[in-house]
Every structure is written in structure tokens, then in C-alpha cells.
Amino acid sequence: MTAELMVDFAGLDKLFYAMNEVGDQSGDLSSYFATQVCDPTGFDYSTCALQPIADVLPQMAGWFDQAMTGFGTAWGQVGHAIYASARHLEQQDDLVRHDLDSYRGPGGRCDYSPPGPGYIENFHIKPLSGALADPADGESHMDHDNRFDAAADAWDTARDTINTGIDLLNKIGAGIGKLPEQGLRDYIVYPLAADYTAIGRNANACTTMNAGFDAWAHNFGQLAMKTPQAMTGQTGAAVVGVFTAFDVGMDLVGDAVSKGKYVFDGIAWVSEKIAVEVEKVLVLLGTKITTLASKVTGRVIPGVGEIILAWNLVTDLFSGDPLGQFKDIIDDIETVRNIIDDCLNLKESILAWAESQAQRLATFHDVLDTLSGLPAVGNLPGLDDLTHRVGGLEHSLDDVDYGGDDNGERGDLDSELGDLSGETGSEGGSEDGDSSADSLDGQIVDPPMPGAPAVA
């Protein structure tokens, strides 16, 4: 025997108002995904070697918006099916037409106002703001060479002195290019390694998205609890089933989105490892550039001035080679330039690895595409159909695979970082008490589990 549909129109208007609130929360999730999960700050450096990862982030934000647009269509159809059932009952019973001011769909007029006096909320719809907190910065998992800050400061101080010397040497025919004016971080470290702490924020934002989806799913459950106050019978049971399906479905989607954290964590891990290895090389550079600046100050700046004033005499004295007495300085400048080039030569391997990580992040498209499995029909589906849809959604999400980071691209990068570390060692290596990260010899290992200690 089919249960008779009964509608409490005042309760139904309250239900539509609550449905509007829950539906609008998709915008909160979209905004958070775009600004936090897809935040490009960690890669926002000129000629960043991790640019392929940065390039996929706006695509991910677009996919999420498309998924939420699809949800909005499905949600509107669910609302219209409820509205149509209520109106059909009115027509059958020749009832006075009731105003459903909170219904937004075809045939309705939504005034966006809460129900009037006497409205009592039994099952509260909670805002998502409490769940969507700003993500924390990523943490360091490795020991950095504590001499790098001093080396970076030494570069900033000595570089200008050396460039002054280069200008003077070029006046007597040296033909030497000047050293770059950016600091070591902005010119070498960040363009190669990006900012692992900012990338860690992307990872943490994935976890927060899960909390947001959980809160959203709970609100769908609240709608299911509200439904008997608005309508009963077979239609009411179908509506409860639809809301419950959205509850379960959004919880599953949130879990799948949160797994993107593992991809970002892996990127942040490798980013920091690149930074550690490059910093070790730049510590050596800092030592060399300080010595070079002393030579330039003591010999080139006063010496070249005298040569320029007595050019003819110097030509006679040095058989036409006024640069002869500065050969060691010119060689040292070339050594400094070679150290910089050794670091920058990592870019090709880093780019190849970054492209593989961008492909892993593209898996977000598969996750968000599963939202099409939620109810999106003009008529309310039966309970058997709902069970099938939710089961299909769960199966689809189980099949989503973000992949691993054990590909050849990372192997090539691993090898080049090892070579860079070896070159540092051949130049004198680290002093006693230096970073224990040297023991890794450039090898990239897997990220630690949460709460694990720093690499030793």
C-alpha cells in the first residue's frame, strides 16, 4: 500500500529556506578551494622550475567550479521535484494555493528572507566558516645548513664590490659579465626549489577541505531530519533518501579531496630537499665570494685606477697585457659563476619532475567528476536508485589514484642532486657541526609520516 503524501506548507517553506542555505554553501567551498588549495604563492617566482605545478592550479580551481555548478543544477532539480509534488497535491485536493516564498525554482518566487514570526529551528544548518579555517604553513622536515643565512648576507655585501671591480677590469679589456644583482634566495633557491612552507599550506588546505565537506554533509543530514516536518508519505521518504544520499556522497568526496594532501606533501618534501642541497653549495659560494671581494678591494679598485691613468706605461711594462696581474681574480670570478651555473643546471631535471607532479594533481578532475553521480534528475529517484547511485559514487572514489612519486623523473633529479652534493664535497665539504642533511648525499627519500622527527 502506498503511503499518502501529506504536506505542511509552512514547514515546507522552512525546508526550502534551509535548502537554499545549504546549496549556497557550495560557494564557500569553491572559494576556499580556489584561494587555499590552489594558492600559487609557493611557486610565485620568476622562471620557477616548478612552474608546471603552478600551471595546473587554476585548472583545478576551474574543475571545482564546474563540479559545484553541476551540483547547483542537481540541487535545483531536487528542489523543483519537491515543489512539483506539493503543487500536484494542491491541485488534486483543490486547496487554496500556499505561498512558498523560499522556493527559488520555476514557478516560485524567493524573497531570500527567513520564515516569519514563530519560526523555530529544530535542526540547525551550521555555516562552514568554522570548518574552513586558514591553513597553517608547512613545516620543515630536514636540517638546513645553518651557515646559509650568513652566506646569503655575504653575497649581498660582496657582490656589489665585485661588480665594481668587474666594471673597472672591463675598462682595460676584460670583457667579464657582472654577477646577478638578486639575492641568493630570489635568484637561485626559490626559482629552483620554490617555497616548501607555502606548498605545505596547499597540503594542509586539502585536509581543511575535508572538514568543510564533513560540515556540509552534516547539513544535508539536517535537511533529512527536517523533512518529516514538511512532508510525509512515499514522497517524503524519497526526499529524506535524497538528502541522505547527498550527506553520504559529500562525506566521500571530502575524503577523496583530502588525499590530495599526499601529493602536495610530496612536492613540499622534494622542494625542501632541493633547497637543502642548493644551500649547501651556496655556503661554499659565500666563502669564495668573500675572499674574492677582499682581493677586488685590495688590488683591483686601486690597481686598475692607476692602470687607466698610466695606460701607455702599463702597456710597456706588461707587454700589452694589463690584465695579467689580475688573472687569479678573473679566474675566481669564473669559479663563482660556475658554481651558480651548476645550481641552475638542475632546472631541466626539476622541470621534468614537476610535470609528473602536475599530472598527479590532475587527478582532482577525476575526484570532482564523481559528483555527477549524485541525484540530478527532474523527478525524485526511488530508494533503490539512490542506493545504487551512492554505491557507484563510493566505487568511483575508491578507484581514484593520485599515483606515486617513484617515476624516472625523480630518479634523474635524485642523481643530479647527488652529483651537486659530491661537487660540494670536492670543494672542501662541510665544517664540523654542519647540517646532518649532508648524510643524505642528495638522495630524495619519501616524506615522513605525520609527527615524524626531522631527517637525521
Protein backbone atom coordinates (compact mmCIF):
# COMPACT_ATOMS: atom_id res chain seq x y z
CA MET A 1 0.00 0.00 0.00
CA THR A 2 1.39 3.37 -0.97
CA ALA A 3 1.78 5.87 1.88
CA GLU A 4 -0.25 9.03 1.29
CA LEU A 5 1.60 12.28 0.67
CA MET A 6 0.91 14.89 3.33
CA VAL A 7 2.41 18.37 3.19
CA ASP A 8 2.77 21.00 5.88
CA PHE A 9 3.27 24.04 3.69
CA ALA A 10 4.66 26.25 6.46
CA GLY A 11 7.17 23.51 7.25
CA LEU A 12 7.92 23.10 3.54
CA ASP A 13 8.70 26.80 3.21
CA LYS A 14 11.15 26.44 6.10
CA LEU A 15 12.67 23.42 4.39
CA PHE A 16 13.18 25.38 1.15
CA TYR A 17 14.84 28.19 3.11
CA ALA A 18 17.22 25.69 4.69
CA MET A 19 17.88 24.09 1.30
CA ASN A 20 18.87 27.50 -0.02
CA GLU A 21 21.34 27.92 2.83
CA VAL A 22 22.90 24.52 2.22
CA GLY A 23 23.02 24.98 -1.54
CA ASP A 24 24.73 28.36 -1.22
CA GLN A 25 27.49 26.78 0.87
CA SER A 26 28.91 25.27 -2.31
CA GLY A 27 30.24 28.78 -2.99
CA ASP A 28 32.13 28.76 0.31
CA LEU A 29 33.84 25.52 -0.67
CA SER A 30 34.62 26.79 -4.17
CA SER A 31 36.18 29.95 -2.79
CA TYR A 32 38.30 28.06 -0.28
CA PHE A 33 39.46 25.53 -2.86
CA ALA A 34 40.48 28.29 -5.28
CA THR A 35 42.23 30.54 -2.77
CA GLN A 36 43.80 27.97 -0.44
CA VAL A 37 44.18 24.55 -2.09
CA CYS A 38 45.06 26.21 -5.42
CA ASP A 39 47.07 29.07 -3.93
CA PRO A 40 50.09 29.62 -6.24
CA THR A 41 52.13 31.60 -3.69
CA GLY A 42 54.66 28.80 -3.17
CA PHE A 43 55.55 28.85 -6.87
CA ASP A 44 55.31 32.60 -7.50
CA TYR A 45 58.92 33.20 -8.54
CA SER A 46 60.37 34.30 -11.85
CA THR A 47 61.39 31.33 -14.02
CA CYS A 48 60.34 28.89 -11.27
CA ALA A 49 61.37 25.34 -12.17
CA LEU A 50 58.15 24.03 -10.58
CA GLN A 51 56.03 26.13 -12.96
CA PRO A 52 54.20 23.07 -14.41
CA ILE A 53 52.68 22.55 -10.96
CA ALA A 54 51.68 26.21 -10.71
CA ASP A 55 50.07 25.98 -14.15
CA VAL A 56 47.68 23.19 -13.13
CA LEU A 57 46.39 25.02 -10.04
CA PRO A 58 43.98 27.39 -11.87
CA GLN A 59 42.77 24.40 -13.88
CA MET A 60 41.98 22.61 -10.62
CA ALA A 61 40.05 25.63 -9.39
CA GLY A 62 38.10 25.63 -12.66
CA TRP A 63 37.27 21.93 -12.29
CA PHE A 64 35.95 22.55 -8.81
CA ASP A 65 33.78 25.41 -10.03
CA GLN A 66 32.40 23.16 -12.77
CA ALA A 67 31.63 20.47 -10.20
CA MET A 68 29.81 22.96 -7.99
CA THR A 69 27.89 24.26 -10.99
CA GLY A 70 26.82 20.69 -11.67
CA PHE A 71 25.82 20.34 -8.04
CA GLY A 72 23.76 23.53 -8.30
CA THR A 73 21.88 22.10 -11.28
CA ALA A 74 21.19 18.83 -9.47
CA TRP A 75 20.18 20.66 -6.30
CA GLY A 76 17.79 22.86 -8.23
CA GLN A 77 16.19 19.79 -9.79
CA VAL A 78 15.73 18.20 -6.37
CA GLY A 79 14.03 21.36 -5.13
CA HIS A 80 11.80 21.52 -8.19
CA ALA A 81 10.76 17.89 -7.75
CA ILE A 82 9.71 18.61 -4.16
CA TYR A 83 7.89 21.76 -5.26
CA ALA A 84 6.11 19.94 -8.08
CA SER A 85 4.93 17.20 -5.72
CA ALA A 86 3.46 19.77 -3.33
CA ARG A 87 1.73 21.70 -6.09
CA HIS A 88 0.31 18.49 -7.53
CA LEU A 89 -1.24 17.73 -4.15
CA GLU A 90 -2.83 21.19 -4.08
CA GLN A 91 -4.34 20.67 -7.49
CA GLN A 92 -5.72 17.25 -6.56
CA ASP A 93 -7.32 18.45 -3.35
CA ASP A 94 -8.42 21.81 -4.76
CA LEU A 95 -6.65 23.50 -1.88
CA VAL A 96 -6.00 27.20 -1.52
CA ARG A 97 -2.65 27.97 -3.09
CA HIS A 98 0.02 28.38 -0.41
CA ASP A 99 2.88 30.81 -0.78
CA LEU A 100 6.27 29.08 -0.79
CA ASP A 101 8.34 32.23 -0.60
CA SER A 102 11.65 30.41 -0.09
CA TYR A 103 11.38 28.27 -3.23
CA ARG A 104 13.78 29.55 -5.89
CA GLY A 105 12.91 27.37 -8.86
CA PRO A 106 10.46 27.65 -11.77
CA GLY A 107 7.02 28.81 -10.69
CA GLY A 108 8.21 30.14 -7.36
CA ARG A 109 9.33 33.49 -6.03
CA CYS A 110 12.12 33.55 -3.46
CA ASP A 111 12.30 36.63 -1.27
CA TYR A 112 15.51 35.39 0.40
CA SER A 113 14.04 36.18 3.83
CA PRO A 114 13.84 33.75 6.77
CA PRO A 115 10.38 32.38 7.58
CA GLY A 116 8.23 34.80 9.54
CA PRO A 117 7.28 35.17 13.22
CA GLY A 118 7.01 31.99 15.21
CA TYR A 119 9.75 30.25 13.19
CA ILE A 120 11.54 27.71 15.36
CA GLU A 121 14.66 25.97 14.03
CA ASN A 122 14.80 22.36 15.19
CA PHE A 123 17.73 21.11 13.11
CA HIS A 124 20.23 23.91 12.66
CA ILE A 125 22.17 24.49 9.46
CA LYS A 126 25.68 25.44 10.52
CA PRO A 127 27.88 27.80 8.50
CA LEU A 128 31.05 26.29 7.04
CA SER A 129 33.26 29.15 8.25
CA GLY A 130 34.11 27.28 11.44
CA ALA A 131 35.42 24.31 9.45
CA LEU A 132 37.19 26.28 6.70
CA ALA A 133 39.98 27.82 8.78
CA ASP A 134 43.08 29.29 7.15
CA PRO A 135 45.64 26.51 6.65
CA ALA A 136 48.88 26.53 8.61
CA ASP A 137 52.26 26.88 6.91
CA GLY A 138 54.08 23.68 6.09
CA GLU A 139 56.81 22.53 8.44
CA SER A 140 60.46 21.78 7.81
CA HIS A 141 61.39 18.09 7.92
CA MET A 142 65.12 18.49 7.27
CA ASP A 143 68.11 20.16 8.86
CA HIS A 144 69.33 23.13 6.85
CA ASP A 145 72.94 24.31 6.83
CA ASN A 146 72.95 26.98 9.50
CA ARG A 147 75.65 28.90 7.60
CA PHE A 148 73.40 29.68 4.66
CA ASP A 149 71.97 32.90 6.09
CA ALA A 150 75.49 34.22 6.57
CA ALA A 151 76.41 33.13 3.04
CA ALA A 152 73.36 34.95 1.62
CA ASP A 153 74.30 38.10 3.53
CA ALA A 154 77.90 37.79 2.34
CA TRP A 155 76.69 37.57 -1.25
CA ASP A 156 74.62 40.74 -0.90
CA THR A 157 77.60 42.62 0.54
CA ALA A 158 80.39 41.26 -1.64
CA ARG A 159 78.51 41.15 -4.96
CA ASP A 160 78.37 44.94 -5.36
CA THR A 161 82.07 45.25 -4.57
CA ILE A 162 82.95 42.57 -7.11
CA ASN A 163 80.71 44.14 -9.77
CA THR A 164 82.51 47.45 -9.23
CA GLY A 165 85.77 45.61 -9.81
CA ILE A 166 84.36 43.95 -12.94
CA ASP A 167 83.40 47.37 -14.33
CA LEU A 168 86.99 48.54 -13.82
CA LEU A 169 88.50 45.39 -15.33
CA ASN A 170 86.24 45.73 -18.36
CA LYS A 171 87.66 49.21 -18.95
CA ILE A 172 91.01 47.59 -19.69
CA GLY A 173 89.52 44.86 -21.87
CA ALA A 174 88.48 42.03 -19.53
CA GLY A 175 85.04 41.56 -21.11
CA ILE A 176 83.54 39.95 -17.98
CA GLY A 177 79.80 39.77 -17.31
CA LYS A 178 78.62 41.18 -13.98
CA LEU A 179 77.23 38.96 -11.23
CA PRO A 180 73.43 38.96 -10.88
CA GLU A 181 72.04 41.64 -8.59
CA GLN A 182 69.35 39.49 -6.93
CA GLY A 183 69.95 37.78 -3.62
CA LEU A 184 70.80 34.07 -3.50
CA ARG A 185 67.30 33.13 -2.37
CA ASP A 186 65.48 35.06 -5.08
CA TYR A 187 67.93 34.24 -7.88
CA ILE A 188 68.73 30.58 -7.17
CA VAL A 189 66.95 28.90 -4.24
CA TYR A 190 63.32 29.90 -4.79
CA PRO A 191 63.36 29.62 -8.62
CA LEU A 192 64.71 26.06 -8.26
CA ALA A 193 63.02 24.81 -5.10
CA ALA A 194 60.01 27.15 -4.72
CA ASP A 195 58.77 27.70 -1.15
CA TYR A 196 58.15 24.41 0.64
CA THR A 197 56.42 26.10 3.60
CA ALA A 198 53.84 27.71 1.27
CA ILE A 199 53.36 24.40 -0.59
CA GLY A 200 52.74 22.83 2.81
CA ARG A 201 49.82 25.25 3.16
CA ASN A 202 48.32 23.78 -0.01
CA ALA A 203 48.60 20.34 1.58
CA ASN A 204 47.03 21.47 4.85
CA ALA A 205 44.23 23.15 2.91
CA CYS A 206 43.28 19.75 1.46
CA THR A 207 42.76 18.46 4.99
CA THR A 208 40.66 21.52 5.81
CA MET A 209 38.56 20.90 2.70
CA ASN A 210 37.71 17.50 4.17
CA ALA A 211 36.49 19.22 7.34
CA GLY A 212 34.44 21.59 5.17
CA PHE A 213 32.85 18.72 3.24
CA ASP A 214 32.12 16.93 6.52
CA ALA A 215 30.33 20.02 7.84
CA TRP A 216 28.45 20.37 4.56
CA ALA A 217 27.49 16.68 4.61
CA HIS A 218 26.18 17.13 8.16
CA ASN A 219 23.92 19.93 6.93
CA PHE A 220 22.41 17.64 4.30
CA GLY A 221 21.72 15.24 7.14
CA GLN A 222 19.98 18.07 8.98
CA LEU A 223 17.75 18.59 5.94
CA ALA A 224 16.82 14.92 6.06
CA MET A 225 15.84 15.34 9.71
CA LYS A 226 13.75 18.42 8.86
CA THR A 227 11.82 16.73 6.06
CA PRO A 228 9.14 14.93 8.15
CA GLN A 229 8.10 18.36 9.49
CA ALA A 230 7.35 19.39 5.90
CA MET A 231 6.10 16.28 4.14
CA THR A 232 5.42 12.63 4.80
CA GLY A 233 4.43 9.59 2.82
CA GLN A 234 6.32 7.94 -0.01
CA THR A 235 7.42 11.28 -1.46
CA GLY A 236 8.66 12.42 1.95
CA ALA A 237 10.65 9.21 2.31
CA ALA A 238 12.18 9.77 -1.14
CA VAL A 239 13.17 13.30 -0.16
CA VAL A 240 14.82 12.00 3.02
CA GLY A 241 16.65 9.47 0.87
CA VAL A 242 17.91 12.18 -1.49
CA PHE A 243 19.21 14.34 1.34
CA THR A 244 20.86 11.32 2.95
CA ALA A 245 22.50 10.45 -0.37
CA PHE A 246 23.98 13.95 -0.54
CA ASP A 247 25.12 13.58 3.08
CA VAL A 248 26.97 10.34 2.38
CA GLY A 249 28.19 11.50 -1.03
CA MET A 250 29.73 14.76 0.17
CA ASP A 251 31.45 12.95 3.01
CA LEU A 252 33.02 10.57 0.48
CA VAL A 253 34.07 13.40 -1.83
CA GLY A 254 35.68 15.26 1.07
CA ASP A 255 37.73 12.19 1.95
CA ALA A 256 38.91 11.89 -1.65
CA VAL A 257 39.78 15.59 -1.94
CA SER A 258 41.78 15.40 1.31
CA LYS A 259 44.05 12.75 -0.23
CA GLY A 260 45.43 15.44 -2.50
CA LYS A 261 47.40 16.40 0.62
CA TYR A 262 49.74 13.50 -0.07
CA VAL A 263 50.65 14.94 -3.46
CA PHE A 264 51.31 18.42 -2.07
CA ASP A 265 53.23 16.94 0.88
CA GLY A 266 55.44 15.05 -1.56
CA ILE A 267 56.04 18.20 -3.61
CA ALA A 268 56.89 20.18 -0.46
CA TRP A 269 59.27 17.42 0.66
CA VAL A 270 61.21 17.42 -2.61
CA SER A 271 61.10 21.23 -2.69
CA GLU A 272 62.80 21.36 0.69
CA LYS A 273 65.35 18.72 -0.32
CA ILE A 274 66.30 20.77 -3.39
CA ALA A 275 66.65 23.82 -1.15
CA VAL A 276 68.88 21.94 1.32
CA GLU A 277 71.24 20.69 -1.38
CA VAL A 278 71.43 24.04 -3.18
CA GLU A 279 72.00 25.89 0.09
CA LYS A 280 74.99 23.66 0.85
CA VAL A 281 76.57 24.65 -2.45
CA LEU A 282 75.80 28.30 -1.86
CA VAL A 283 77.55 28.17 1.52
CA LEU A 284 80.70 27.34 -0.43
CA LEU A 285 79.89 30.22 -2.78
CA GLY A 286 79.59 32.58 0.18
CA THR A 287 83.09 31.65 1.35
CA LYS A 288 84.60 32.15 -2.09
CA ILE A 289 82.86 35.43 -2.81
CA THR A 290 84.01 36.93 0.50
CA THR A 291 87.64 36.10 -0.33
CA LEU A 292 87.17 37.40 -3.86
CA ALA A 293 85.71 40.69 -2.63
CA SER A 294 88.77 41.19 -0.42
CA LYS A 295 91.03 40.71 -3.43
CA VAL A 296 89.00 43.15 -5.50
CA THR A 297 89.05 45.76 -2.75
CA GLY A 298 92.78 45.41 -2.15
CA ARG A 299 94.03 45.08 -5.71
CA VAL A 300 91.55 45.79 -8.48
CA ILE A 301 89.91 49.01 -7.33
CA PRO A 302 93.17 50.89 -6.60
CA GLY A 303 95.22 48.96 -9.17
CA VAL A 304 93.00 49.48 -12.20
CA GLY A 305 92.67 53.17 -11.38
CA GLU A 306 96.43 53.52 -11.66
CA ILE A 307 96.47 51.47 -14.87
CA ILE A 308 93.86 53.66 -16.51
CA LEU A 309 95.84 56.81 -15.59
CA ALA A 310 99.07 55.39 -16.96
CA TRP A 311 97.80 53.17 -19.78
CA ASN A 312 100.78 53.61 -22.06
CA LEU A 313 103.23 52.83 -19.29
CA VAL A 314 101.33 49.70 -18.24
CA THR A 315 101.24 48.52 -21.84
CA ASP A 316 105.03 48.68 -21.97
CA LEU A 317 105.53 47.03 -18.59
CA PHE A 318 103.20 44.09 -19.25
CA SER A 319 103.93 43.58 -22.92
CA GLY A 320 100.45 44.64 -23.93
CA ASP A 321 98.62 42.60 -21.24
CA PRO A 322 97.40 44.92 -18.45
CA LEU A 323 95.15 42.08 -17.18
CA GLY A 324 98.00 39.73 -16.37
CA GLN A 325 98.35 40.72 -12.73
CA PHE A 326 94.61 40.15 -12.21
CA LYS A 327 94.38 36.67 -13.78
CA ASP A 328 93.75 34.94 -10.44
CA ILE A 329 90.89 37.33 -9.69
CA ILE A 330 89.37 36.81 -13.13
CA ASP A 331 89.64 33.03 -12.60
CA ASP A 332 87.92 33.35 -9.21
CA ILE A 333 85.07 35.31 -10.78
CA GLU A 334 84.68 32.50 -13.30
CA THR A 335 84.65 29.93 -10.48
CA VAL A 336 81.86 31.83 -8.73
CA ARG A 337 79.91 31.92 -11.98
CA ASN A 338 80.44 28.16 -12.48
CA ILE A 339 79.07 27.39 -9.02
CA ILE A 340 75.94 29.37 -9.86
CA ASP A 341 75.62 27.58 -13.20
CA ASP A 342 75.97 24.17 -11.50
CA CYS A 343 72.92 25.02 -9.42
CA LEU A 344 70.89 26.46 -12.29
CA ASN A 345 71.69 23.43 -14.45
CA LEU A 346 69.33 21.43 -12.19
CA LYS A 347 66.39 23.23 -13.75
CA GLU A 348 65.76 20.79 -16.60
CA SER A 349 65.51 17.78 -14.30
CA ILE A 350 63.37 19.70 -11.83
CA LEU A 351 61.01 20.73 -14.64
CA ALA A 352 60.62 17.12 -15.79
CA TRP A 353 59.82 16.00 -12.25
CA ALA A 354 57.39 18.92 -11.77
CA GLU A 355 55.49 17.92 -14.90
CA SER A 356 54.94 14.44 -13.43
CA GLN A 357 53.60 16.02 -10.22
CA ALA A 358 51.24 18.22 -12.23
CA GLN A 359 49.82 15.04 -13.77
CA ARG A 360 49.23 13.65 -10.28
CA LEU A 361 47.36 16.80 -9.28
CA ALA A 362 45.22 16.45 -12.40
CA THR A 363 43.62 13.50 -10.58
CA PHE A 364 41.49 16.10 -8.80
CA HIS A 365 39.47 16.20 -12.02
CA ASP A 366 38.54 12.53 -11.55
CA VAL A 367 37.51 13.16 -7.95
CA LEU A 368 35.32 16.14 -8.78
CA ASP A 369 33.83 14.39 -11.79
CA THR A 370 32.30 11.83 -9.42
CA LEU A 371 29.86 14.49 -8.22
CA SER A 372 27.89 13.75 -11.39
CA GLY A 373 26.86 10.51 -9.64
CA LEU A 374 24.70 12.40 -7.17
CA PRO A 375 20.96 12.78 -7.79
CA ALA A 376 20.42 15.10 -10.73
CA VAL A 377 17.03 14.17 -12.17
CA GLY A 378 13.83 16.07 -12.68
CA ASN A 379 11.81 13.55 -10.65
CA LEU A 380 12.76 12.23 -7.25
CA PRO A 381 14.61 8.92 -7.65
CA GLY A 382 13.47 5.82 -5.83
CA LEU A 383 15.34 4.48 -2.84
CA ASP A 384 16.81 1.60 -4.85
CA ASP A 385 18.17 4.09 -7.38
CA LEU A 386 19.63 6.24 -4.61
CA THR A 387 21.37 3.25 -3.06
CA HIS A 388 22.81 2.40 -6.47
CA ARG A 389 23.99 5.97 -7.02
CA VAL A 390 25.74 6.23 -3.66
CA GLY A 391 27.31 2.81 -4.14
CA GLY A 392 28.54 3.86 -7.58
CA LEU A 393 29.98 7.08 -6.17
CA GLU A 394 31.84 5.18 -3.46
CA HIS A 395 33.20 2.71 -6.02
CA SER A 396 34.33 5.54 -8.32
CA LEU A 397 36.17 7.30 -5.50
CA ASP A 398 37.82 4.07 -4.44
CA ASP A 399 39.22 3.81 -7.97
CA VAL A 400 40.73 7.31 -7.87
CA ASP A 401 44.52 7.07 -7.65
CA TYR A 402 46.77 10.10 -7.20
CA GLY A 403 49.74 7.93 -8.18
CA GLY A 404 53.16 7.67 -6.59
CA ASP A 405 56.42 9.56 -6.93
CA ASP A 406 58.66 6.66 -7.87
CA ASN A 407 58.99 7.56 -11.55
CA GLY A 408 62.10 8.08 -13.66
CA GLU A 409 61.88 11.86 -13.45
CA ARG A 410 62.51 11.82 -9.74
CA GLY A 411 65.32 9.32 -10.22
CA ASP A 412 67.08 11.73 -12.60
CA LEU A 413 66.62 14.60 -10.17
CA ASP A 414 67.83 12.39 -7.33
CA SER A 415 71.01 11.63 -9.26
CA GLU A 416 71.73 15.27 -10.15
CA LEU A 417 71.27 16.40 -6.56
CA GLY A 418 73.71 13.69 -5.53
CA ASP A 419 76.23 14.95 -8.09
CA LEU A 420 75.76 18.51 -6.81
CA SER A 421 76.44 17.33 -3.26
CA GLY A 422 79.54 15.48 -4.46
CA GLU A 423 80.87 18.59 -6.14
CA THR A 424 80.38 20.50 -2.90
CA GLY A 425 82.35 17.86 -1.03
CA SER A 426 85.20 18.04 -3.54
CA GLU A 427 85.42 21.78 -2.88
CA GLY A 428 86.02 21.28 0.81
CA GLY A 429 82.71 19.94 2.10
CA SER A 430 81.08 20.94 5.34
CA GLU A 431 82.63 22.08 8.52
CA ASP A 432 82.24 20.16 11.77
CA GLY A 433 78.86 20.76 13.31
CA ASP A 434 77.23 21.35 9.95
CA SER A 435 73.81 20.13 8.92
CA SER A 436 73.12 16.43 9.29
CA ALA A 437 71.25 16.67 5.97
CA ASP A 438 74.65 16.09 4.33
CA SER A 439 74.29 12.42 5.22
CA LEU A 440 71.55 12.09 2.59
CA ASP A 441 74.04 12.84 -0.20
CA GLY A 442 71.36 14.41 -2.33
CA GLN A 443 69.05 11.41 -2.21
CA ILE A 444 65.34 12.20 -2.09
CA VAL A 445 63.57 9.89 0.31
CA ASP A 446 59.83 9.63 0.91
CA PRO A 447 58.12 12.21 3.11
CA PRO A 448 57.82 11.28 6.79
CA MET A 449 54.59 10.25 8.40
CA PRO A 450 52.83 12.99 10.39
CA GLY A 451 54.66 13.68 13.62
CA ALA A 452 57.91 12.10 12.46
CA PRO A 453 61.17 13.81 13.52
CA ALA A 454 63.38 15.78 11.17
CA VAL A 455 65.72 13.89 8.90
CA ALA A 456 68.91 12.98 10.72
